[in-house]
Amino acid sequence: MRDEYSTIIKPIITEKSTALKEEKNLLCFQVDPRATKIDIKRAVESIFKVKVDKVNIVNIKPKPKRLGRFEGKRPGWKKAYVTLKKGEKRVEYFEGG
């Protein structure tokens, strides 16, 4: 795969992902659709300097949408749930002031 910064596209920040982060030390990212679990694990470990326990992947299917009589689809994408090992520090997405 390519470098780490092109593997992980962006963190997913929702109420559910924030709760998972606080309760289970689990991170949620939008990743490159061609990325594998091993690629994602290496990318998270090198970018955030933490140890990863496991990676779960979900492929989000494209949603059909329409505007008047025109039909189309939103693009599909890949989501990764990354579980950190016990005792690892929490990852802060937005640091600084």
PDB file of N, CA and C in Angstrom:
ATOM      1  N   MET A   1       0.839  -1.178   0.000  1.00  0.00           N
ATOM      2  CA  MET A   1       0.000   0.000   0.000  1.00  0.00           C
ATOM      3  C   MET A   1       0.882   1.238   0.000  1.00  0.00           C
ATOM      4  N   ARG A   2       0.269   2.377  -0.148  1.00  0.00           N
ATOM      5  CA  ARG A   2       0.994   3.635  -0.170  1.00  0.00           C
ATOM      6  C   ARG A   2       1.372   4.060   1.246  1.00  0.00           C
ATOM      7  N   ASP A   3       1.760   5.334   1.395  1.00  0.00           N
ATOM      8  CA  ASP A   3       2.187   5.790   2.714  1.00  0.00           C
ATOM      9  C   ASP A   3       1.005   5.866   3.688  1.00  0.00           C
ATOM     10  N   GLU A   4       1.314   6.094   4.967  1.00  0.00           N
ATOM     11  CA  GLU A   4       0.313   6.041   6.023  1.00  0.00           C
ATOM     12  C   GLU A   4      -0.739   7.137   5.895  1.00  0.00           C
ATOM     13  N   TYR A   5      -0.313   8.315   5.444  1.00  0.00           N
ATOM     14  CA  TYR A   5      -1.236   9.438   5.406  1.00  0.00           C
ATOM     15  C   TYR A   5      -2.251   9.334   4.259  1.00  0.00           C
ATOM     16  N   SER A   6      -1.994   8.498   3.277  1.00  0.00           N
ATOM     17  CA  SER A   6      -2.995   8.288   2.238  1.00  0.00           C
ATOM     18  C   SER A   6      -3.862   7.061   2.544  1.00  0.00           C
ATOM     19  N   THR A   7      -3.434   6.229   3.495  1.00  0.00           N
ATOM     20  CA  THR A   7      -4.242   5.088   3.914  1.00  0.00           C
ATOM     21  C   THR A   7      -5.407   5.557   4.781  1.00  0.00           C
ATOM     22  N   ILE A   8      -5.121   6.419   5.750  1.00  0.00           N
ATOM     23  CA  ILE A   8      -6.161   6.957   6.622  1.00  0.00           C
ATOM     24  C   ILE A   8      -6.596   8.296   6.045  1.00  0.00           C
ATOM     25  N   ILE A   9      -7.859   8.382   5.636  1.00  0.00           N
ATOM     26  CA  ILE A   9      -8.362   9.603   5.015  1.00  0.00           C
ATOM     27  C   ILE A   9      -8.723  10.633   6.076  1.00  0.00           C
ATOM     28  N   LYS A  10      -9.573  10.244   7.055  1.00  0.00           N
ATOM     29  CA  LYS A  10      -9.941  11.175   8.116  1.00  0.00           C
ATOM     30  C   LYS A  10     -10.548  10.409   9.277  1.00  0.00           C
ATOM     31  N   PRO A  11     -10.489  10.972  10.483  1.00  0.00           N
ATOM     32  CA  PRO A  11     -11.188  10.346  11.606  1.00  0.00           C
ATOM     33  C   PRO A  11     -12.682  10.627  11.507  1.00  0.00           C
ATOM     34  N   ILE A  12     -13.483   9.698  11.987  1.00  0.00           N
ATOM     35  CA  ILE A  12     -14.931   9.871  12.000  1.00  0.00           C
ATOM     36  C   ILE A  12     -15.312  10.319  13.403  1.00  0.00           C
ATOM     37  N   ILE A  13     -15.882  11.519  13.495  1.00  0.00           N
ATOM     38  CA  ILE A  13     -16.210  12.093  14.796  1.00  0.00           C
ATOM     39  C   ILE A  13     -17.723  12.264  14.870  1.00  0.00           C
ATOM     40  N   THR A  14     -18.358  11.302  15.526  1.00  0.00           N
ATOM     41  CA  THR A  14     -19.796  11.323  15.757  1.00  0.00           C
ATOM     42  C   THR A  14     -20.025  11.025  17.238  1.00  0.00           C
ATOM     43  N   GLU A  15     -21.279  11.064  17.659  1.00  0.00           N
ATOM     44  CA  GLU A  15     -21.585  10.731  19.042  1.00  0.00           C
ATOM     45  C   GLU A  15     -21.201   9.287  19.352  1.00  0.00           C
ATOM     46  N   LYS A  16     -21.498   8.389  18.426  1.00  0.00           N
ATOM     47  CA  LYS A  16     -21.193   6.975  18.633  1.00  0.00           C
ATOM     48  C   LYS A  16     -19.686   6.740  18.710  1.00  0.00           C
ATOM     49  N   SER A  17     -18.925   7.326  17.785  1.00  0.00           N
ATOM     50  CA  SER A  17     -17.480   7.099  17.779  1.00  0.00           C
ATOM     51  C   SER A  17     -16.811   7.735  18.992  1.00  0.00           C
ATOM     52  N   THR A  18     -17.327   8.874  19.457  1.00  0.00           N
ATOM     53  CA  THR A  18     -16.776   9.503  20.657  1.00  0.00           C
ATOM     54  C   THR A  18     -17.039   8.643  21.888  1.00  0.00           C
ATOM     55  N   ALA A  19     -18.227   8.060  21.970  1.00  0.00           N
ATOM     56  CA  ALA A  19     -18.540   7.181  23.095  1.00  0.00           C
ATOM     57  C   ALA A  19     -17.664   5.925  23.072  1.00  0.00           C
ATOM     58  N   LEU A  20     -17.456   5.350  21.887  1.00  0.00           N
ATOM     59  CA  LEU A  20     -16.593   4.169  21.773  1.00  0.00           C
ATOM     60  C   LEU A  20     -15.154   4.501  22.156  1.00  0.00           C
ATOM     61  N   LYS A  21     -14.709   5.681  21.787  1.00  0.00           N
ATOM     62  CA  LYS A  21     -13.348   6.115  22.102  1.00  0.00           C
ATOM     63  C   LYS A  21     -13.153   6.226  23.609  1.00  0.00           C
ATOM     64  N   GLU A  22     -14.139   6.777  24.310  1.00  0.00           N
ATOM     65  CA  GLU A  22     -14.020   6.967  25.747  1.00  0.00           C
ATOM     66  C   GLU A  22     -14.211   5.667  26.530  1.00  0.00           C
ATOM     67  N   GLU A  23     -15.168   4.830  26.112  1.00  0.00           N
ATOM     68  CA  GLU A  23     -15.492   3.631  26.872  1.00  0.00           C
ATOM     69  C   GLU A  23     -14.572   2.450  26.566  1.00  0.00           C
ATOM     70  N   LYS A  24     -14.312   2.212  25.279  1.00  0.00           N
ATOM     71  CA  LYS A  24     -13.605   0.994  24.889  1.00  0.00           C
ATOM     72  C   LYS A  24     -12.240   1.232  24.266  1.00  0.00           C
ATOM     73  N   ASN A  25     -11.760   2.496  24.270  1.00  0.00           N
ATOM     74  CA  ASN A  25     -10.462   2.831  23.682  1.00  0.00           C
ATOM     75  C   ASN A  25     -10.411   2.378  22.219  1.00  0.00           C
ATOM     76  N   LEU A  26     -11.471   2.705  21.484  1.00  0.00           N
ATOM     77  CA  LEU A  26     -11.644   2.270  20.102  1.00  0.00           C
ATOM     78  C   LEU A  26     -11.739   3.506  19.208  1.00  0.00           C
ATOM     79  N   LEU A  27     -10.954   3.536  18.143  1.00  0.00           N
ATOM     80  CA  LEU A  27     -10.921   4.671  17.221  1.00  0.00           C
ATOM     81  C   LEU A  27     -11.643   4.318  15.935  1.00  0.00           C
ATOM     82  N   CYS A  28     -12.203   5.324  15.265  1.00  0.00           N
ATOM     83  CA  CYS A  28     -12.956   5.114  14.047  1.00  0.00           C
ATOM     84  C   CYS A  28     -12.400   6.031  12.950  1.00  0.00           C
ATOM     85  N   PHE A  29     -12.083   5.460  11.783  1.00  0.00           N
ATOM     86  CA  PHE A  29     -11.497   6.221  10.682  1.00  0.00           C
ATOM     87  C   PHE A  29     -12.169   5.890   9.358  1.00  0.00           C
ATOM     88  N   GLN A  30     -12.185   6.868   8.459  1.00  0.00           N
ATOM     89  CA  GLN A  30     -12.505   6.592   7.058  1.00  0.00           C
ATOM     90  C   GLN A  30     -11.175   6.288   6.396  1.00  0.00           C
ATOM     91  N   VAL A  31     -11.089   5.155   5.703  1.00  0.00           N
ATOM     92  CA  VAL A  31      -9.819   4.720   5.128  1.00  0.00           C
ATOM     93  C   VAL A  31      -9.959   4.514   3.621  1.00  0.00           C
ATOM     94  N   ASP A  32      -8.808   4.359   2.978  1.00  0.00           N
ATOM     95  CA  ASP A  32      -8.763   4.095   1.546  1.00  0.00           C
ATOM     96  C   ASP A  32      -9.480   2.769   1.262  1.00  0.00           C
ATOM     97  N   PRO A  33     -10.331   2.716   0.240  1.00  0.00           N
ATOM     98  CA  PRO A  33     -11.064   1.475  -0.042  1.00  0.00           C
ATOM     99  C   PRO A  33     -10.170   0.284  -0.388  1.00  0.00           C
ATOM    100  N   ARG A  34      -8.946   0.543  -0.812  1.00  0.00           N
ATOM    101  CA  ARG A  34      -8.030  -0.554  -1.144  1.00  0.00           C
ATOM    102  C   ARG A  34      -7.178  -1.004   0.034  1.00  0.00           C
ATOM    103  N   ALA A  35      -7.288  -0.337   1.173  1.00  0.00           N
ATOM    104  CA  ALA A  35      -6.458  -0.643   2.338  1.00  0.00           C
ATOM    105  C   ALA A  35      -6.904  -1.943   3.002  1.00  0.00           C
ATOM    106  N   THR A  36      -5.925  -2.698   3.492  1.00  0.00           N
ATOM    107  CA  THR A  36      -6.198  -3.932   4.228  1.00  0.00           C
ATOM    108  C   THR A  36      -6.069  -3.662   5.722  1.00  0.00           C
ATOM    109  N   LYS A  37      -6.420  -4.654   6.528  1.00  0.00           N
ATOM    110  CA  LYS A  37      -6.302  -4.502   7.979  1.00  0.00           C
ATOM    111  C   LYS A  37      -4.858  -4.257   8.393  1.00  0.00           C
ATOM    112  N   ILE A  38      -3.927  -4.927   7.750  1.00  0.00           N
ATOM    113  CA  ILE A  38      -2.510  -4.768   8.079  1.00  0.00           C
ATOM    114  C   ILE A  38      -2.035  -3.363   7.724  1.00  0.00           C
ATOM    115  N   ASP A  39      -2.455  -2.837   6.576  1.00  0.00           N
ATOM    116  CA  ASP A  39      -2.099  -1.468   6.181  1.00  0.00           C
ATOM    117  C   ASP A  39      -2.622  -0.458   7.196  1.00  0.00           C
ATOM    118  N   ILE A  40      -3.856  -0.642   7.628  1.00  0.00           N
ATOM    119  CA  ILE A  40      -4.477   0.286   8.573  1.00  0.00           C
ATOM    120  C   ILE A  40      -3.766   0.218   9.924  1.00  0.00           C
ATOM    121  N   LYS A  41      -3.438  -0.976  10.370  1.00  0.00           N
ATOM    122  CA  LYS A  41      -2.727  -1.144  11.637  1.00  0.00           C
ATOM    123  C   LYS A  41      -1.384  -0.435  11.606  1.00  0.00           C
ATOM    124  N   ARG A  42      -0.618  -0.636  10.541  1.00  0.00           N
ATOM    125  CA  ARG A  42       0.689   0.021  10.422  1.00  0.00           C
ATOM    126  C   ARG A  42       0.556   1.539  10.376  1.00  0.00           C
ATOM    127  N   ALA A  43      -0.448   2.019   9.667  1.00  0.00           N
ATOM    128  CA  ALA A  43      -0.641   3.463   9.535  1.00  0.00           C
ATOM    129  C   ALA A  43      -0.980   4.101  10.879  1.00  0.00           C
ATOM    130  N   VAL A  44      -1.902   3.501  11.629  1.00  0.00           N
ATOM    131  CA  VAL A  44      -2.295   4.063  12.926  1.00  0.00           C
ATOM    132  C   VAL A  44      -1.125   4.015  13.901  1.00  0.00           C
ATOM    133  N   GLU A  45      -0.377   2.917  13.912  1.00  0.00           N
ATOM    134  CA  GLU A  45       0.760   2.803  14.821  1.00  0.00           C
ATOM    135  C   GLU A  45       1.839   3.838  14.507  1.00  0.00           C
ATOM    136  N   SER A  46       2.090   4.099  13.241  1.00  0.00           N
ATOM    137  CA  SER A  46       3.152   5.046  12.911  1.00  0.00           C
ATOM    138  C   SER A  46       2.710   6.497  13.060  1.00  0.00           C
ATOM    139  N   ILE A  47       1.450   6.816  12.749  1.00  0.00           N
ATOM    140  CA  ILE A  47       0.982   8.210  12.846  1.00  0.00           C
ATOM    141  C   ILE A  47       0.774   8.623  14.298  1.00  0.00           C
ATOM    142  N   PHE A  48       0.072   7.801  15.088  1.00  0.00           N
ATOM    143  CA  PHE A  48      -0.304   8.178  16.441  1.00  0.00           C
ATOM    144  C   PHE A  48       0.620   7.621  17.514  1.00  0.00           C
ATOM    145  N   LYS A  49       1.614   6.807  17.153  1.00  0.00           N
ATOM    146  CA  LYS A  49       2.591   6.239  18.092  1.00  0.00           C
ATOM    147  C   LYS A  49       1.915   5.466  19.224  1.00  0.00           C
ATOM    148  N   VAL A  50       0.997   4.567  18.842  1.00  0.00           N
ATOM    149  CA  VAL A  50       0.302   3.698  19.795  1.00  0.00           C
ATOM    150  C   VAL A  50       0.384   2.260  19.284  1.00  0.00           C
ATOM    151  N   LYS A  51       0.040   1.305  20.142  1.00  0.00           N
ATOM    152  CA  LYS A  51      -0.002  -0.102  19.764  1.00  0.00           C
ATOM    153  C   LYS A  51      -1.446  -0.501  19.499  1.00  0.00           C
ATOM    154  N   VAL A  52      -1.677  -1.166  18.366  1.00  0.00           N
ATOM    155  CA  VAL A  52      -3.014  -1.570  17.956  1.00  0.00           C
ATOM    156  C   VAL A  52      -3.239  -3.030  18.306  1.00  0.00           C
ATOM    157  N   ASP A  53      -4.392  -3.318  18.914  1.00  0.00           N
ATOM    158  CA  ASP A  53      -4.751  -4.687  19.255  1.00  0.00           C
ATOM    159  C   ASP A  53      -5.414  -5.373  18.068  1.00  0.00           C
ATOM    160  N   LYS A  54      -6.470  -4.760  17.511  1.00  0.00           N
ATOM    161  CA  LYS A  54      -7.132  -5.359  16.356  1.00  0.00           C
ATOM    162  C   LYS A  54      -7.810  -4.281  15.518  1.00  0.00           C
ATOM    163  N   VAL A  55      -8.138  -4.662  14.283  1.00  0.00           N
ATOM    164  CA  VAL A  55      -8.782  -3.754  13.333  1.00  0.00           C
ATOM    165  C   VAL A  55     -10.003  -4.469  12.749  1.00  0.00           C
ATOM    166  N   ASN A  56     -11.156  -3.788  12.785  1.00  0.00           N
ATOM    167  CA  ASN A  56     -12.368  -4.285  12.136  1.00  0.00           C
ATOM    168  C   ASN A  56     -12.735  -3.332  11.015  1.00  0.00           C
ATOM    169  N   ILE A  57     -13.191  -3.876   9.887  1.00  0.00           N
ATOM    170  CA  ILE A  57     -13.481  -3.072   8.706  1.00  0.00           C
ATOM    171  C   ILE A  57     -14.950  -3.229   8.320  1.00  0.00           C
ATOM    172  N   VAL A  58     -15.558  -2.103   7.916  1.00  0.00           N
ATOM    173  CA  VAL A  58     -16.937  -2.102   7.433  1.00  0.00           C
ATOM    174  C   VAL A  58     -16.950  -1.387   6.094  1.00  0.00           C
ATOM    175  N   ASN A  59     -17.514  -2.022   5.067  1.00  0.00           N
ATOM    176  CA  ASN A  59     -17.690  -1.368   3.778  1.00  0.00           C
ATOM    177  C   ASN A  59     -19.082  -0.750   3.749  1.00  0.00           C
ATOM    178  N   ILE A  60     -19.118   0.574   3.611  1.00  0.00           N
ATOM    179  CA  ILE A  60     -20.378   1.300   3.558  1.00  0.00           C
ATOM    180  C   ILE A  60     -20.837   1.323   2.102  1.00  0.00           C
ATOM    181  N   LYS A  61     -22.022   0.801   1.838  1.00  0.00           N
ATOM    182  CA  LYS A  61     -22.533   0.725   0.474  1.00  0.00           C
ATOM    183  C   LYS A  61     -22.980   2.102  -0.006  1.00  0.00           C
ATOM    184  N   PRO A  62     -22.954   2.333  -1.321  1.00  0.00           N
ATOM    185  CA  PRO A  62     -23.444   3.617  -1.838  1.00  0.00           C
ATOM    186  C   PRO A  62     -24.952   3.748  -1.640  1.00  0.00           C
ATOM    187  N   LYS A  63     -25.375   4.946  -1.251  1.00  0.00           N
ATOM    188  CA  LYS A  63     -26.792   5.200  -1.027  1.00  0.00           C
ATOM    189  C   LYS A  63     -27.421   5.776  -2.285  1.00  0.00           C
ATOM    190  N   PRO A  64     -28.576   5.267  -2.687  1.00  0.00           N
ATOM    191  CA  PRO A  64     -29.256   5.883  -3.828  1.00  0.00           C
ATOM    192  C   PRO A  64     -29.891   7.215  -3.416  1.00  0.00           C
ATOM    193  N   LYS A  65     -29.735   8.216  -4.245  1.00  0.00           N
ATOM    194  CA  LYS A  65     -30.304   9.540  -4.003  1.00  0.00           C
ATOM    195  C   LYS A  65     -30.958  10.031  -5.280  1.00  0.00           C
ATOM    196  N   ARG A  66     -31.913  10.936  -5.136  1.00  0.00           N
ATOM    197  CA  ARG A  66     -32.514  11.510  -6.324  1.00  0.00           C
ATOM    198  C   ARG A  66     -32.793  12.984  -6.081  1.00  0.00           C
ATOM    199  N   LEU A  67     -32.711  13.746  -7.142  1.00  0.00           N
ATOM    200  CA  LEU A  67     -33.013  15.167  -7.135  1.00  0.00           C
ATOM    201  C   LEU A  67     -34.018  15.383  -8.251  1.00  0.00           C
ATOM    202  N   GLY A  68     -35.283  15.472  -7.871  1.00  0.00           N
ATOM    203  CA  GLY A  68     -36.331  15.561  -8.879  1.00  0.00           C
ATOM    204  C   GLY A  68     -36.443  14.253  -9.632  1.00  0.00           C
ATOM    205  N   ARG A  69     -36.293  14.308 -10.948  1.00  0.00           N
ATOM    206  CA  ARG A  69     -36.398  13.081 -11.747  1.00  0.00           C
ATOM    207  C   ARG A  69     -35.043  12.425 -11.998  1.00  0.00           C
ATOM    208  N   PHE A  70     -33.968  13.045 -11.508  1.00  0.00           N
ATOM    209  CA  PHE A  70     -32.624  12.505 -11.745  1.00  0.00           C
ATOM    210  C   PHE A  70     -32.214  11.606 -10.588  1.00  0.00           C
ATOM    211  N   GLU A  71     -31.754  10.410 -10.926  1.00  0.00           N
ATOM    212  CA  GLU A  71     -31.321   9.460  -9.920  1.00  0.00           C
ATOM    213  C   GLU A  71     -29.809   9.341  -9.952  1.00  0.00           C
ATOM    214  N   GLY A  72     -29.246   9.124  -8.798  1.00  0.00           N
ATOM    215  CA  GLY A  72     -27.807   8.936  -8.700  1.00  0.00           C
ATOM    216  C   GLY A  72     -27.478   8.174  -7.431  1.00  0.00           C
ATOM    217  N   LYS A  73     -26.194   8.098  -7.105  1.00  0.00           N
ATOM    218  CA  LYS A  73     -25.755   7.410  -5.903  1.00  0.00           C
ATOM    219  C   LYS A  73     -24.670   8.215  -5.224  1.00  0.00           C
ATOM    220  N   ARG A  74     -24.700   8.175  -3.890  1.00  0.00           N
ATOM    221  CA  ARG A  74     -23.575   8.695  -3.130  1.00  0.00           C
ATOM    222  C   ARG A  74     -22.462   7.657  -3.213  1.00  0.00           C
ATOM    223  N   PRO A  75     -21.229   8.094  -3.121  1.00  0.00           N
ATOM    224  CA  PRO A  75     -20.151   7.113  -3.215  1.00  0.00           C
ATOM    225  C   PRO A  75     -20.083   6.204  -1.982  1.00  0.00           C
ATOM    226  N   GLY A  76     -19.671   4.968  -2.181  1.00  0.00           N
ATOM    227  CA  GLY A  76     -19.427   4.056  -1.085  1.00  0.00           C
ATOM    228  C   GLY A  76     -18.049   4.327  -0.506  1.00  0.00           C
ATOM    229  N   TRP A  77     -17.802   3.875   0.723  1.00  0.00           N
ATOM    230  CA  TRP A  77     -16.510   4.100   1.356  1.00  0.00           C
ATOM    231  C   TRP A  77     -16.236   3.020   2.380  1.00  0.00           C
ATOM    232  N   LYS A  78     -15.052   3.042   2.959  1.00  0.00           N
ATOM    233  CA  LYS A  78     -14.632   2.015   3.903  1.00  0.00           C
ATOM    234  C   LYS A  78     -14.354   2.650   5.259  1.00  0.00           C
ATOM    235  N   LYS A  79     -14.898   2.023   6.311  1.00  0.00           N
ATOM    236  CA  LYS A  79     -14.708   2.492   7.681  1.00  0.00           C
ATOM    237  C   LYS A  79     -13.906   1.461   8.453  1.00  0.00           C
ATOM    238  N   ALA A  80     -12.989   1.927   9.306  1.00  0.00           N
ATOM    239  CA  ALA A  80     -12.178   1.029  10.124  1.00  0.00           C
ATOM    240  C   ALA A  80     -12.364   1.359  11.594  1.00  0.00           C
ATOM    241  N   TYR A  81     -12.647   0.328  12.395  1.00  0.00           N
ATOM    242  CA  TYR A  81     -12.678   0.454  13.845  1.00  0.00           C
ATOM    243  C   TYR A  81     -11.379  -0.131  14.370  1.00  0.00           C
ATOM    244  N   VAL A  82     -10.571   0.697  15.026  1.00  0.00           N
ATOM    245  CA  VAL A  82      -9.249   0.285  15.496  1.00  0.00           C
ATOM    246  C   VAL A  82      -9.275   0.216  17.018  1.00  0.00           C
ATOM    247  N   THR A  83      -9.005  -0.968  17.571  1.00  0.00           N
ATOM    248  CA  THR A  83      -8.960  -1.167  19.015  1.00  0.00           C
ATOM    249  C   THR A  83      -7.513  -1.066  19.471  1.00  0.00           C
ATOM    250  N   LEU A  84      -7.267  -0.191  20.447  1.00  0.00           N
ATOM    251  CA  LEU A  84      -5.917  -0.031  20.991  1.00  0.00           C
ATOM    252  C   LEU A  84      -5.677  -1.045  22.098  1.00  0.00           C
ATOM    253  N   LYS A  85      -4.406  -1.380  22.337  1.00  0.00           N
ATOM    254  CA  LYS A  85      -4.067  -2.329  23.391  1.00  0.00           C
ATOM    255  C   LYS A  85      -4.318  -1.710  24.755  1.00  0.00           C
ATOM    256  N   LYS A  86      -4.454  -2.572  25.759  1.00  0.00           N
ATOM    257  CA  LYS A  86      -4.683  -2.117  27.131  1.00  0.00           C
ATOM    258  C   LYS A  86      -3.522  -1.236  27.580  1.00  0.00           C
ATOM    259  N   GLY A  87      -3.857  -0.151  28.247  1.00  0.00           N
ATOM    260  CA  GLY A  87      -2.833   0.729  28.787  1.00  0.00           C
ATOM    261  C   GLY A  87      -2.304   1.765  27.826  1.00  0.00           C
ATOM    262  N   GLU A  88      -2.782   1.780  26.595  1.00  0.00           N
ATOM    263  CA  GLU A  88      -2.329   2.781  25.624  1.00  0.00           C
ATOM    264  C   GLU A  88      -2.989   4.112  25.922  1.00  0.00           C
ATOM    265  N   LYS A  89      -2.254   5.174  25.653  1.00  0.00           N
ATOM    266  CA  LYS A  89      -2.791   6.514  25.898  1.00  0.00           C
ATOM    267  C   LYS A  89      -3.908   6.807  24.908  1.00  0.00           C
ATOM    268  N   ARG A  90      -4.758   7.731  25.264  1.00  0.00           N
ATOM    269  CA  ARG A  90      -5.836   8.126  24.365  1.00  0.00           C
ATOM    270  C   ARG A  90      -5.285   8.999  23.259  1.00  0.00           C
ATOM    271  N   VAL A  91      -5.838   8.863  22.091  1.00  0.00           N
ATOM    272  CA  VAL A  91      -5.426   9.640  20.935  1.00  0.00           C
ATOM    273  C   VAL A  91      -6.322  10.861  20.836  1.00  0.00           C
ATOM    274  N   GLU A  92      -5.718  12.030  20.754  1.00  0.00           N
ATOM    275  CA  GLU A  92      -6.475  13.267  20.589  1.00  0.00           C
ATOM    276  C   GLU A  92      -6.330  13.713  19.144  1.00  0.00           C
ATOM    277  N   TYR A  93      -7.465  13.876  18.455  1.00  0.00           N
ATOM    278  CA  TYR A  93      -7.432  14.292  17.059  1.00  0.00           C
ATOM    279  C   TYR A  93      -7.092  15.764  16.920  1.00  0.00           C
ATOM    280  N   PHE A  94      -7.663  16.581  17.799  1.00  0.00           N
ATOM    281  CA  PHE A  94      -7.468  18.024  17.721  1.00  0.00           C
ATOM    282  C   PHE A  94      -6.692  18.480  18.941  1.00  0.00           C
ATOM    283  N   GLU A  95      -5.423  18.778  18.741  1.00  0.00           N
ATOM    284  CA  GLU A  95      -4.592  19.238  19.838  1.00  0.00           C
ATOM    285  C   GLU A  95      -4.150  20.663  19.568  1.00  0.00           C
ATOM    286  N   GLY A  96      -3.725  21.339  20.601  1.00  0.00           N
ATOM    287  CA  GLY A  96      -3.216  22.691  20.421  1.00  0.00           C
ATOM    288  C   GLY A  96      -4.265  23.716  20.825  1.00  0.00           C
ATOM    289  N   GLY A  97      -3.933  24.976  20.578  1.00  0.00           N
ATOM    290  CA  GLY A  97      -4.848  26.010  21.015  1.00  0.00           C
ATOM    291  C   GLY A  97      -5.195  26.913  19.993  1.00  0.00           C
TER     292      GLY A  97
END
